[in-house]
């Protein structure tokens, strides 16, 4: 299944409380459960005014549907072409 990185512009994202992040996570999980399509939320990173999410889905359209149904912005959805890290150099 393709993997996507989603850039979400959310002013003040880095100031969201643990309770607010918990609510966002619960909403995302509920939307994933109701999509009726293969979908996996891998992880998310909160940085400044953005949240960067890594999701696996059949297509960018399904990722955008998740965002619409959850009420989350999906300002940019990009399919990941490759994964690299320190071990890639070996």
C-alpha atoms as a PDB file:
ATOM      1  CA  UNK A   1       0.000   0.000   0.000  1.00  0.00           C
ATOM      2  CA  UNK A   2       1.434   3.441  -0.849  1.00  0.00           C
ATOM      3  CA  UNK A   3       2.644   5.686   1.960  1.00  0.00           C
ATOM      4  CA  UNK A   4       1.887   9.406   2.035  1.00  0.00           C
ATOM      5  CA  UNK A   5       3.140  12.388   3.989  1.00  0.00           C
ATOM      6  CA  UNK A   6       0.427  14.925   4.762  1.00  0.00           C
ATOM      7  CA  UNK A   7       1.239  18.528   5.635  1.00  0.00           C
ATOM      8  CA  UNK A   8      -1.464  20.110   7.775  1.00  0.00           C
ATOM      9  CA  UNK A   9      -1.291  23.850   8.433  1.00  0.00           C
ATOM     10  CA  UNK A  10      -2.732  24.442  11.901  1.00  0.00           C
ATOM     11  CA  UNK A  11      -1.763  27.787  13.463  1.00  0.00           C
ATOM     12  CA  UNK A  12      -0.471  27.162  16.979  1.00  0.00           C
ATOM     13  CA  UNK A  13      -0.232  23.392  16.488  1.00  0.00           C
ATOM     14  CA  UNK A  14       2.814  23.252  18.744  1.00  0.00           C
ATOM     15  CA  UNK A  15       0.771  24.821  21.522  1.00  0.00           C
ATOM     16  CA  UNK A  16      -2.062  22.262  21.435  1.00  0.00           C
ATOM     17  CA  UNK A  17      -2.551  20.658  24.830  1.00  0.00           C
ATOM     18  CA  UNK A  18      -2.186  16.922  25.425  1.00  0.00           C
ATOM     19  CA  UNK A  19      -5.993  16.768  25.777  1.00  0.00           C
ATOM     20  CA  UNK A  20      -6.480  18.508  22.412  1.00  0.00           C
ATOM     21  CA  UNK A  21      -3.988  16.164  20.732  1.00  0.00           C
ATOM     22  CA  UNK A  22      -5.795  13.212  22.304  1.00  0.00           C
ATOM     23  CA  UNK A  23      -9.126  14.449  20.890  1.00  0.00           C
ATOM     24  CA  UNK A  24      -7.614  14.921  17.415  1.00  0.00           C
ATOM     25  CA  UNK A  25      -6.144  11.411  17.586  1.00  0.00           C
ATOM     26  CA  UNK A  26      -9.439   9.876  18.658  1.00  0.00           C
ATOM     27  CA  UNK A  27     -11.276  11.632  15.829  1.00  0.00           C
ATOM     28  CA  UNK A  28      -8.701  10.410  13.301  1.00  0.00           C
ATOM     29  CA  UNK A  29      -8.992   6.831  14.587  1.00  0.00           C
ATOM     30  CA  UNK A  30     -12.786   6.988  14.346  1.00  0.00           C
ATOM     31  CA  UNK A  31     -12.633   8.228  10.754  1.00  0.00           C
ATOM     32  CA  UNK A  32     -10.117   5.508   9.824  1.00  0.00           C
ATOM     33  CA  UNK A  33     -12.439   2.875  11.313  1.00  0.00           C
ATOM     34  CA  UNK A  34     -15.362   4.156   9.241  1.00  0.00           C
ATOM     35  CA  UNK A  35     -13.606   4.611   5.895  1.00  0.00           C
ATOM     36  CA  UNK A  36     -14.356   1.120   4.646  1.00  0.00           C
ATOM     37  CA  UNK A  37     -11.011   1.161   2.815  1.00  0.00           C
ATOM     38  CA  UNK A  38      -7.553  -0.095   3.768  1.00  0.00           C
ATOM     39  CA  UNK A  39      -5.930   2.719   5.725  1.00  0.00           C
ATOM     40  CA  UNK A  40      -3.247   3.014   8.391  1.00  0.00           C
ATOM     41  CA  UNK A  41      -2.164   6.077  10.316  1.00  0.00           C
ATOM     42  CA  UNK A  42       1.544   5.449  10.967  1.00  0.00           C
ATOM     43  CA  UNK A  43       2.662   8.520  12.949  1.00  0.00           C
ATOM     44  CA  UNK A  44       2.471  12.298  13.136  1.00  0.00           C
ATOM     45  CA  UNK A  45       4.891  15.067  14.062  1.00  0.00           C
ATOM     46  CA  UNK A  46       3.813  18.405  15.551  1.00  0.00           C
ATOM     47  CA  UNK A  47       6.198  21.209  14.586  1.00  0.00           C
ATOM     48  CA  UNK A  48       5.448  24.908  14.760  1.00  0.00           C
ATOM     49  CA  UNK A  49       2.236  25.711  12.904  1.00  0.00           C
ATOM     50  CA  UNK A  50       2.094  22.340  11.156  1.00  0.00           C
ATOM     51  CA  UNK A  51       1.379  18.706  11.771  1.00  0.00           C
ATOM     52  CA  UNK A  52       3.120  16.258   9.440  1.00  0.00           C
ATOM     53  CA  UNK A  53       1.385  12.890   9.234  1.00  0.00           C
ATOM     54  CA  UNK A  54       2.483   9.610   7.680  1.00  0.00           C
ATOM     55  CA  UNK A  55      -0.396   7.462   6.473  1.00  0.00           C
ATOM     56  CA  UNK A  56      -0.721   4.358   4.311  1.00  0.00           C
ATOM     57  CA  UNK A  57      -3.660   4.301   1.902  1.00  0.00           C
ATOM     58  CA  UNK A  58      -4.633   3.049  -1.531  1.00  0.00           C
ATOM     59  CA  UNK A  59      -4.499   6.583  -2.970  1.00  0.00           C
ATOM     60  CA  UNK A  60      -4.182  10.273  -2.217  1.00  0.00           C
ATOM     61  CA  UNK A  61      -7.951  10.493  -2.747  1.00  0.00           C
ATOM     62  CA  UNK A  62      -8.523   8.243   0.273  1.00  0.00           C
ATOM     63  CA  UNK A  63      -6.108  10.360   2.337  1.00  0.00           C
ATOM     64  CA  UNK A  64      -8.032  13.494   1.342  1.00  0.00           C
ATOM     65  CA  UNK A  65     -11.328  11.763   2.191  1.00  0.00           C
ATOM     66  CA  UNK A  66      -9.971  10.989   5.673  1.00  0.00           C
ATOM     67  CA  UNK A  67      -9.099  14.675   6.075  1.00  0.00           C
ATOM     68  CA  UNK A  68     -12.531  15.873   4.908  1.00  0.00           C
ATOM     69  CA  UNK A  69     -14.451  13.453   7.109  1.00  0.00           C
ATOM     70  CA  UNK A  70     -12.279  14.277  10.107  1.00  0.00           C
ATOM     71  CA  UNK A  71     -12.397  18.019   9.579  1.00  0.00           C
ATOM     72  CA  UNK A  72      -8.599  18.128   9.329  1.00  0.00           C
ATOM     73  CA  UNK A  73      -6.719  20.278   6.806  1.00  0.00           C
ATOM     74  CA  UNK A  74      -4.628  18.365   4.279  1.00  0.00           C
ATOM     75  CA  UNK A  75      -2.773  21.241   2.664  1.00  0.00           C
ATOM     76  CA  UNK A  76      -0.336  18.988   0.842  1.00  0.00           C
ATOM     77  CA  UNK A  77      -0.485  15.221   0.267  1.00  0.00           C
ATOM     78  CA  UNK A  78       2.622  13.634  -1.247  1.00  0.00           C
ATOM     79  CA  UNK A  79       3.323   9.986  -1.953  1.00  0.00           C
ATOM     80  CA  UNK A  80       6.617   8.889  -0.388  1.00  0.00           C
ATOM     81  CA  UNK A  81       9.018   7.574  -3.030  1.00  0.00           C
ATOM     82  CA  UNK A  82      11.628   6.018  -0.707  1.00  0.00           C
ATOM     83  CA  UNK A  83      12.616   5.663   2.932  1.00  0.00           C
ATOM     84  CA  UNK A  84      16.179   6.439   4.000  1.00  0.00           C
ATOM     85  CA  UNK A  85      17.991   6.750   7.298  1.00  0.00           C
ATOM     86  CA  UNK A  86      21.422   6.198   8.846  1.00  0.00           C
ATOM     87  CA  UNK A  87      21.387   2.502   7.888  1.00  0.00           C
ATOM     88  CA  UNK A  88      20.918   3.431   4.215  1.00  0.00           C
ATOM     89  CA  UNK A  89      24.589   4.480   4.142  1.00  0.00           C
ATOM     90  CA  UNK A  90      25.752   0.954   5.017  1.00  0.00           C
END
